[in-house]
Amino acid sequence: NWITPDMIERIEVIRGSMSTLYGSEAVGGVINIITKKVPSQLSGSVNLDYTKPDTSTRGNTVTYGATLAGPLTDTLGFRFGVNRTDREGDTSTTGTSGAINDTVNGRLTWAPNDTHTFNLDASWGKEEPDVVEGGADQFAYEMERQGFGIGYAGTFKNELKTYADLYYNEIENKDEFATSKANIGDTKATEAVLDLKATKPLQIAGFKNDLTVGAQYKYEEVSN
């Protein structure tokens, strides 16, 4: 629930090691969520989803959100989305606690011409537990997340394409809602990542190929 579903263009599932393209954490594969580009015309959407499990001991889930995107000027565009997921806690002690999850996402895109695009992204999310009296208290802790990013995509002669992305994420878990049984302390994790990539199509022995060259720098820190 970190982004609203209406922001998603497609989801790619890649099996097997893809560390060459997606970094050291992609040894077992990649689930790549591709978001929509900022549209050329102002558009928006509102969604509501209700889920009721087939057993009375499981909590119901309600999700609702809204998105708005479009141009601000001839070269500047925006995308903004909000989402809330409200899941009731399970009444069975063997289940899990519920949660109220709020997220806000925004993007500002500047395209001075058809071959160069710059993006500025920001996101915030907060999850608070919802424990039913006498029910499950597993995962009953508060989590807050924020992220920022800047990106560039360019197309040059001979179909050379370059990409550069710099982003920062911070996630903090707080145990003020947790019971002693949960045994969870305050935890904070931060990461800063720089991704650089260039691709160029090549014709080798009559076959079409893509040459990809890239580099990644990642700094991670966890405190508990």
C-alpha atoms as a PDB file:
ATOM      1  CA  ASN A   1       0.000   0.000   0.000  1.00  0.00           C
ATOM      2  CA  TRP A   2       2.927   2.382  -0.483  1.00  0.00           C
ATOM      3  CA  ILE A   3       1.534   3.657  -3.780  1.00  0.00           C
ATOM      4  CA  THR A   4      -2.040   3.920  -4.986  1.00  0.00           C
ATOM      5  CA  PRO A   5      -3.053   1.178  -7.475  1.00  0.00           C
ATOM      6  CA  ASP A   6      -4.095   3.749 -10.095  1.00  0.00           C
ATOM      7  CA  MET A   7      -0.471   4.923 -10.311  1.00  0.00           C
ATOM      8  CA  ILE A   8       0.687   1.508 -11.567  1.00  0.00           C
ATOM      9  CA  GLU A   9       1.125   0.978 -15.302  1.00  0.00           C
ATOM     10  CA  ARG A  10       2.368  -2.619 -15.095  1.00  0.00           C
ATOM     11  CA  ILE A  11       4.147  -5.101 -12.822  1.00  0.00           C
ATOM     12  CA  GLU A  12       7.076  -7.127 -14.145  1.00  0.00           C
ATOM     13  CA  VAL A  13       8.091 -10.380 -12.440  1.00  0.00           C
ATOM     14  CA  ILE A  14      11.589 -11.550 -13.390  1.00  0.00           C
ATOM     15  CA  ARG A  15      12.749 -14.959 -12.161  1.00  0.00           C
ATOM     16  CA  GLY A  16      16.366 -15.733 -11.490  1.00  0.00           C
ATOM     17  CA  SER A  17      19.365 -13.551 -10.771  1.00  0.00           C
ATOM     18  CA  MET A  18      19.140 -10.009 -12.157  1.00  0.00           C
ATOM     19  CA  SER A  19      21.922  -8.362 -10.137  1.00  0.00           C
ATOM     20  CA  THR A  20      23.528  -7.004 -13.302  1.00  0.00           C
ATOM     21  CA  LEU A  21      20.573  -4.692 -13.962  1.00  0.00           C
ATOM     22  CA  TYR A  22      18.996  -4.239 -10.523  1.00  0.00           C
ATOM     23  CA  GLY A  23      21.803  -4.415  -7.972  1.00  0.00           C
ATOM     24  CA  SER A  24      23.056  -6.873  -5.360  1.00  0.00           C
ATOM     25  CA  GLU A  25      19.644  -7.522  -3.779  1.00  0.00           C
ATOM     26  CA  ALA A  26      18.229  -9.005  -7.004  1.00  0.00           C
ATOM     27  CA  VAL A  27      19.988 -12.363  -6.682  1.00  0.00           C
ATOM     28  CA  GLY A  28      16.727 -14.321  -6.506  1.00  0.00           C
ATOM     29  CA  GLY A  29      14.728 -12.238  -8.968  1.00  0.00           C
ATOM     30  CA  VAL A  30      12.872  -8.940  -9.232  1.00  0.00           C
ATOM     31  CA  ILE A  31       9.319  -7.684  -8.849  1.00  0.00           C
ATOM     32  CA  ASN A  32       9.454  -4.421 -10.766  1.00  0.00           C
ATOM     33  CA  ILE A  33       6.529  -1.992 -10.317  1.00  0.00           C
ATOM     34  CA  ILE A  34       6.374   0.456 -13.235  1.00  0.00           C
ATOM     35  CA  THR A  35       4.382   3.608 -12.494  1.00  0.00           C
ATOM     36  CA  LYS A  36       2.519   5.643 -15.084  1.00  0.00           C
ATOM     37  CA  LYS A  37       4.063   8.700 -16.681  1.00  0.00           C
ATOM     38  CA  VAL A  38       2.524  12.097 -16.110  1.00  0.00           C
ATOM     39  CA  PRO A  39      -0.272  12.397 -18.731  1.00  0.00           C
ATOM     40  CA  SER A  40      -0.511  15.214 -21.259  1.00  0.00           C
ATOM     41  CA  GLN A  41      -4.081  16.016 -20.149  1.00  0.00           C
ATOM     42  CA  LEU A  42      -5.451  16.567 -16.642  1.00  0.00           C
ATOM     43  CA  SER A  43      -7.005  13.376 -15.314  1.00  0.00           C
ATOM     44  CA  GLY A  44      -7.911  11.817 -11.997  1.00  0.00           C
ATOM     45  CA  SER A  45      -9.537   8.820 -10.372  1.00  0.00           C
ATOM     46  CA  VAL A  46     -11.216   7.724  -7.154  1.00  0.00           C
ATOM     47  CA  ASN A  47     -11.327   4.089  -5.990  1.00  0.00           C
ATOM     48  CA  LEU A  48     -12.994   2.139  -3.197  1.00  0.00           C
ATOM     49  CA  ASP A  49     -12.390  -1.522  -2.381  1.00  0.00           C
ATOM     50  CA  TYR A  50     -13.977  -3.709   0.304  1.00  0.00           C
ATOM     51  CA  THR A  51     -12.770  -7.194   1.220  1.00  0.00           C
ATOM     52  CA  LYS A  52     -14.566  -9.579   3.571  1.00  0.00           C
ATOM     53  CA  PRO A  53     -12.776 -12.857   4.421  1.00  0.00           C
ATOM     54  CA  ASP A  54     -14.672 -16.160   4.343  1.00  0.00           C
ATOM     55  CA  THR A  55     -14.178 -16.655   8.100  1.00  0.00           C
ATOM     56  CA  SER A  56     -15.608 -14.454  10.842  1.00  0.00           C
ATOM     57  CA  THR A  57     -12.338 -14.466  12.830  1.00  0.00           C
ATOM     58  CA  ARG A  58     -10.501 -12.506  10.142  1.00  0.00           C
ATOM     59  CA  GLY A  59     -10.817  -8.736   9.924  1.00  0.00           C
ATOM     60  CA  ASN A  60     -12.464  -6.895   7.038  1.00  0.00           C
ATOM     61  CA  THR A  61     -10.424  -4.533   4.845  1.00  0.00           C
ATOM     62  CA  VAL A  62     -11.502  -1.236   3.285  1.00  0.00           C
ATOM     63  CA  THR A  63      -9.242   0.632   0.858  1.00  0.00           C
ATOM     64  CA  TYR A  64      -9.959   3.992  -0.701  1.00  0.00           C
ATOM     65  CA  GLY A  65      -7.791   6.450  -2.586  1.00  0.00           C
ATOM     66  CA  ALA A  66      -7.609   9.187  -5.191  1.00  0.00           C
ATOM     67  CA  THR A  67      -5.122  10.366  -7.814  1.00  0.00           C
ATOM     68  CA  LEU A  68      -4.776  13.549  -9.865  1.00  0.00           C
ATOM     69  CA  ALA A  69      -2.222  14.119 -12.631  1.00  0.00           C
ATOM     70  CA  GLY A  70      -1.646  16.389 -15.580  1.00  0.00           C
ATOM     71  CA  PRO A  71       0.336  19.303 -17.031  1.00  0.00           C
ATOM     72  CA  LEU A  72       1.066  22.569 -15.221  1.00  0.00           C
ATOM     73  CA  THR A  73       2.783  24.187 -18.212  1.00  0.00           C
ATOM     74  CA  ASP A  74       4.014  23.011 -21.620  1.00  0.00           C
ATOM     75  CA  THR A  75       7.116  21.459 -20.017  1.00  0.00           C
ATOM     76  CA  LEU A  76       6.054  20.869 -16.398  1.00  0.00           C
ATOM     77  CA  GLY A  77       3.676  18.188 -15.111  1.00  0.00           C
ATOM     78  CA  PHE A  78       2.612  16.670 -11.804  1.00  0.00           C
ATOM     79  CA  ARG A  79       1.098  13.554 -10.254  1.00  0.00           C
ATOM     80  CA  PHE A  80      -0.416  13.322  -6.768  1.00  0.00           C
ATOM     81  CA  GLY A  81      -2.037  10.412  -4.967  1.00  0.00           C
ATOM     82  CA  VAL A  82      -3.435   9.567  -1.541  1.00  0.00           C
ATOM     83  CA  ASN A  83      -4.493   6.192  -0.216  1.00  0.00           C
ATOM     84  CA  ARG A  84      -5.835   4.683   3.014  1.00  0.00           C
ATOM     85  CA  THR A  85      -6.154   0.996   3.881  1.00  0.00           C
ATOM     86  CA  ASP A  86      -8.108   0.128   7.012  1.00  0.00           C
ATOM     87  CA  ARG A  87      -7.845  -3.510   8.051  1.00  0.00           C
ATOM     88  CA  GLU A  88      -9.627  -4.682  11.171  1.00  0.00           C
ATOM     89  CA  GLY A  89      -7.694  -6.876  13.583  1.00  0.00           C
ATOM     90  CA  ASP A  90      -8.395 -10.602  13.764  1.00  0.00           C
ATOM     91  CA  THR A  91     -10.541 -11.732  16.691  1.00  0.00           C
ATOM     92  CA  SER A  92      -8.612 -15.004  16.909  1.00  0.00           C
ATOM     93  CA  THR A  93      -5.426 -14.959  19.010  1.00  0.00           C
ATOM     94  CA  THR A  94      -3.672 -16.983  16.308  1.00  0.00           C
ATOM     95  CA  GLY A  95      -4.269 -14.299  13.694  1.00  0.00           C
ATOM     96  CA  THR A  96      -2.667 -10.893  13.194  1.00  0.00           C
ATOM     97  CA  SER A  97      -3.438  -7.388  14.340  1.00  0.00           C
ATOM     98  CA  GLY A  98      -5.153  -4.944  12.035  1.00  0.00           C
ATOM     99  CA  ALA A  99      -3.712  -1.671  10.784  1.00  0.00           C
ATOM    100  CA  ILE A 100      -4.626   1.729   9.400  1.00  0.00           C
ATOM    101  CA  ASN A 101      -2.207   2.570   6.593  1.00  0.00           C
ATOM    102  CA  ASP A 102      -2.084   6.101   5.131  1.00  0.00           C
ATOM    103  CA  THR A 103       0.126   7.028   2.162  1.00  0.00           C
ATOM    104  CA  VAL A 104       0.788  10.184   0.141  1.00  0.00           C
ATOM    105  CA  ASN A 105       2.821  10.238  -3.105  1.00  0.00           C
ATOM    106  CA  GLY A 106       3.807  13.048  -5.423  1.00  0.00           C
ATOM    107  CA  ARG A 107       5.872  13.570  -8.562  1.00  0.00           C
ATOM    108  CA  LEU A 108       6.946  16.673 -10.462  1.00  0.00           C
ATOM    109  CA  THR A 109       8.214  16.163 -14.032  1.00  0.00           C
ATOM    110  CA  TRP A 110      10.108  18.659 -16.167  1.00  0.00           C
ATOM    111  CA  ALA A 111      10.629  17.836 -19.841  1.00  0.00           C
ATOM    112  CA  PRO A 112      12.405  20.776 -21.556  1.00  0.00           C
ATOM    113  CA  ASN A 113      12.324  18.838 -24.852  1.00  0.00           C
ATOM    114  CA  ASP A 114      11.448  15.430 -26.274  1.00  0.00           C
ATOM    115  CA  THR A 115      14.803  13.834 -25.392  1.00  0.00           C
ATOM    116  CA  HIS A 116      15.397  14.870 -21.770  1.00  0.00           C
ATOM    117  CA  THR A 117      13.178  14.376 -18.698  1.00  0.00           C
ATOM    118  CA  PHE A 118      13.777  15.231 -15.039  1.00  0.00           C
ATOM    119  CA  ASN A 119      11.682  13.877 -12.146  1.00  0.00           C
ATOM    120  CA  LEU A 120      11.321  14.909  -8.512  1.00  0.00           C
ATOM    121  CA  ASP A 121       9.532  12.416  -6.228  1.00  0.00           C
ATOM    122  CA  ALA A 122       8.373  12.488  -2.619  1.00  0.00           C
ATOM    123  CA  SER A 123       6.358  10.009  -0.556  1.00  0.00           C
ATOM    124  CA  TRP A 124       5.152   9.585   3.019  1.00  0.00           C
ATOM    125  CA  GLY A 125       3.381   6.753   4.775  1.00  0.00           C
ATOM    126  CA  LYS A 126       2.255   5.829   8.267  1.00  0.00           C
ATOM    127  CA  GLU A 127       0.839   2.587   9.627  1.00  0.00           C
ATOM    128  CA  GLU A 128      -0.849   2.360  13.015  1.00  0.00           C
ATOM    129  CA  PRO A 129      -2.034  -0.907  14.580  1.00  0.00           C
ATOM    130  CA  ASP A 130      -5.662  -1.808  15.210  1.00  0.00           C
ATOM    131  CA  VAL A 131      -5.886  -4.493  17.885  1.00  0.00           C
ATOM    132  CA  VAL A 132      -9.285  -5.997  18.726  1.00  0.00           C
ATOM    133  CA  GLU A 133      -9.825  -6.593  22.434  1.00  0.00           C
ATOM    134  CA  GLY A 134      -9.094 -10.249  23.139  1.00  0.00           C
ATOM    135  CA  GLY A 135      -7.797 -10.737  19.598  1.00  0.00           C
ATOM    136  CA  ALA A 136      -4.404 -11.069  17.964  1.00  0.00           C
ATOM    137  CA  ASP A 137      -1.646  -8.573  18.739  1.00  0.00           C
ATOM    138  CA  GLN A 138       1.032  -9.834  16.333  1.00  0.00           C
ATOM    139  CA  PHE A 139       2.717  -6.998  14.350  1.00  0.00           C
ATOM    140  CA  ALA A 140       1.067  -4.408  16.618  1.00  0.00           C
ATOM    141  CA  TYR A 141       3.547  -1.588  16.169  1.00  0.00           C
ATOM    142  CA  GLU A 142       3.603   1.777  14.466  1.00  0.00           C
ATOM    143  CA  MET A 143       5.623   2.340  11.289  1.00  0.00           C
ATOM    144  CA  GLU A 144       6.405   5.606   9.529  1.00  0.00           C
ATOM    145  CA  ARG A 145       8.109   5.908   6.158  1.00  0.00           C
ATOM    146  CA  GLN A 146       9.308   8.759   3.991  1.00  0.00           C
ATOM    147  CA  GLY A 147      11.197   8.905   0.749  1.00  0.00           C
ATOM    148  CA  PHE A 148      12.639  11.423  -1.702  1.00  0.00           C
ATOM    149  CA  GLY A 149      14.141  11.018  -5.137  1.00  0.00           C
ATOM    150  CA  ILE A 150      15.392  12.796  -8.240  1.00  0.00           C
ATOM    151  CA  GLY A 151      15.754  11.183 -11.634  1.00  0.00           C
ATOM    152  CA  TYR A 152      16.877  11.853 -15.201  1.00  0.00           C
ATOM    153  CA  ALA A 153      16.224  10.075 -18.494  1.00  0.00           C
ATOM    154  CA  GLY A 154      17.822  11.112 -21.779  1.00  0.00           C
ATOM    155  CA  THR A 155      17.918   9.902 -25.385  1.00  0.00           C
ATOM    156  CA  PHE A 156      20.878  10.745 -27.605  1.00  0.00           C
ATOM    157  CA  LYS A 157      22.070   9.984 -31.114  1.00  0.00           C
ATOM    158  CA  ASN A 158      22.350   6.368 -32.277  1.00  0.00           C
ATOM    159  CA  GLU A 159      19.519   5.417 -29.867  1.00  0.00           C
ATOM    160  CA  LEU A 160      21.728   5.762 -26.796  1.00  0.00           C
ATOM    161  CA  LYS A 161      19.571   6.059 -23.658  1.00  0.00           C
ATOM    162  CA  THR A 162      20.860   7.127 -20.246  1.00  0.00           C
ATOM    163  CA  TYR A 163      19.243   7.009 -16.815  1.00  0.00           C
ATOM    164  CA  ALA A 164      20.305   8.457 -13.463  1.00  0.00           C
ATOM    165  CA  ASP A 165      18.369   8.102 -10.206  1.00  0.00           C
ATOM    166  CA  LEU A 166      19.219   9.263  -6.703  1.00  0.00           C
ATOM    167  CA  TYR A 167      16.818   8.443  -3.882  1.00  0.00           C
ATOM    168  CA  TYR A 168      16.631   8.319  -0.104  1.00  0.00           C
ATOM    169  CA  ASN A 169      14.296   6.198   2.048  1.00  0.00           C
ATOM    170  CA  GLU A 170      13.728   6.154   5.780  1.00  0.00           C
ATOM    171  CA  ILE A 171      11.601   3.669   7.733  1.00  0.00           C
ATOM    172  CA  GLU A 172      11.022   3.797  11.481  1.00  0.00           C
ATOM    173  CA  ASN A 173       9.213   1.251  13.654  1.00  0.00           C
ATOM    174  CA  LYS A 174       7.970   2.315  17.079  1.00  0.00           C
ATOM    175  CA  ASP A 175       6.954  -0.096  19.811  1.00  0.00           C
ATOM    176  CA  GLU A 176       4.666   2.233  21.794  1.00  0.00           C
ATOM    177  CA  PHE A 177       1.630   0.220  20.655  1.00  0.00           C
ATOM    178  CA  ALA A 178       3.288  -3.178  20.982  1.00  0.00           C
ATOM    179  CA  THR A 179       2.757  -5.578  23.868  1.00  0.00           C
ATOM    180  CA  SER A 180       5.602  -7.222  25.752  1.00  0.00           C
ATOM    181  CA  LYS A 181       4.769 -10.408  23.880  1.00  0.00           C
ATOM    182  CA  ALA A 182       5.704  -8.762  20.575  1.00  0.00           C
ATOM    183  CA  ASN A 183       9.237  -8.085  21.908  1.00  0.00           C
ATOM    184  CA  ILE A 184       9.935  -5.369  19.336  1.00  0.00           C
ATOM    185  CA  GLY A 185      12.146  -2.349  20.026  1.00  0.00           C
ATOM    186  CA  ASP A 186      12.392   0.959  18.182  1.00  0.00           C
ATOM    187  CA  THR A 187      14.049   0.366  14.824  1.00  0.00           C
ATOM    188  CA  LYS A 188      15.125   2.881  12.194  1.00  0.00           C
ATOM    189  CA  ALA A 189      16.485   2.049   8.753  1.00  0.00           C
ATOM    190  CA  THR A 190      17.780   4.495   6.147  1.00  0.00           C
ATOM    191  CA  GLU A 191      19.193   4.028   2.671  1.00  0.00           C
ATOM    192  CA  ALA A 192      20.634   6.294  -0.006  1.00  0.00           C
ATOM    193  CA  VAL A 193      21.024   4.875  -3.514  1.00  0.00           C
ATOM    194  CA  LEU A 194      22.544   6.228  -6.715  1.00  0.00           C
ATOM    195  CA  ASP A 195      21.715   4.292  -9.897  1.00  0.00           C
ATOM    196  CA  LEU A 196      23.398   5.007 -13.252  1.00  0.00           C
ATOM    197  CA  LYS A 197      22.604   3.135 -16.461  1.00  0.00           C
ATOM    198  CA  ALA A 198      23.121   3.478 -20.207  1.00  0.00           C
ATOM    199  CA  THR A 199      21.661   1.258 -22.929  1.00  0.00           C
ATOM    200  CA  LYS A 200      22.328   1.057 -26.662  1.00  0.00           C
ATOM    201  CA  PRO A 201      20.992  -1.347 -29.296  1.00  0.00           C
ATOM    202  CA  LEU A 202      23.614  -3.236 -31.291  1.00  0.00           C
ATOM    203  CA  GLN A 203      23.503  -5.358 -34.438  1.00  0.00           C
ATOM    204  CA  ILE A 204      25.848  -8.342 -34.065  1.00  0.00           C
ATOM    205  CA  ALA A 205      26.024 -11.058 -36.746  1.00  0.00           C
ATOM    206  CA  GLY A 206      22.568 -10.106 -37.929  1.00  0.00           C
ATOM    207  CA  PHE A 207      21.012 -10.357 -34.477  1.00  0.00           C
ATOM    208  CA  LYS A 208      19.601  -7.476 -32.467  1.00  0.00           C
ATOM    209  CA  ASN A 209      21.180  -7.020 -29.033  1.00  0.00           C
ATOM    210  CA  ASP A 210      21.088  -4.459 -26.251  1.00  0.00           C
ATOM    211  CA  LEU A 211      24.271  -3.348 -24.520  1.00  0.00           C
ATOM    212  CA  THR A 212      23.703  -2.144 -20.956  1.00  0.00           C
ATOM    213  CA  VAL A 213      26.349  -0.515 -18.778  1.00  0.00           C
ATOM    214  CA  GLY A 214      25.623   0.716 -15.291  1.00  0.00           C
ATOM    215  CA  ALA A 215      26.814   1.373 -11.763  1.00  0.00           C
ATOM    216  CA  GLN A 216      25.163   1.549  -8.364  1.00  0.00           C
ATOM    217  CA  TYR A 217      26.206   3.064  -5.060  1.00  0.00           C
ATOM    218  CA  LYS A 218      24.198   2.221  -1.933  1.00  0.00           C
ATOM    219  CA  TYR A 219      24.562   3.342   1.666  1.00  0.00           C
ATOM    220  CA  GLU A 220      22.420   1.638   4.322  1.00  0.00           C
ATOM    221  CA  GLU A 221      22.177   2.158   8.056  1.00  0.00           C
ATOM    222  CA  VAL A 222      20.057   0.356  10.657  1.00  0.00           C
ATOM    223  CA  SER A 223      19.698   1.284  14.322  1.00  0.00           C
ATOM    224  CA  ASN A 224      17.842  -0.780  16.916  1.00  0.00           C
END
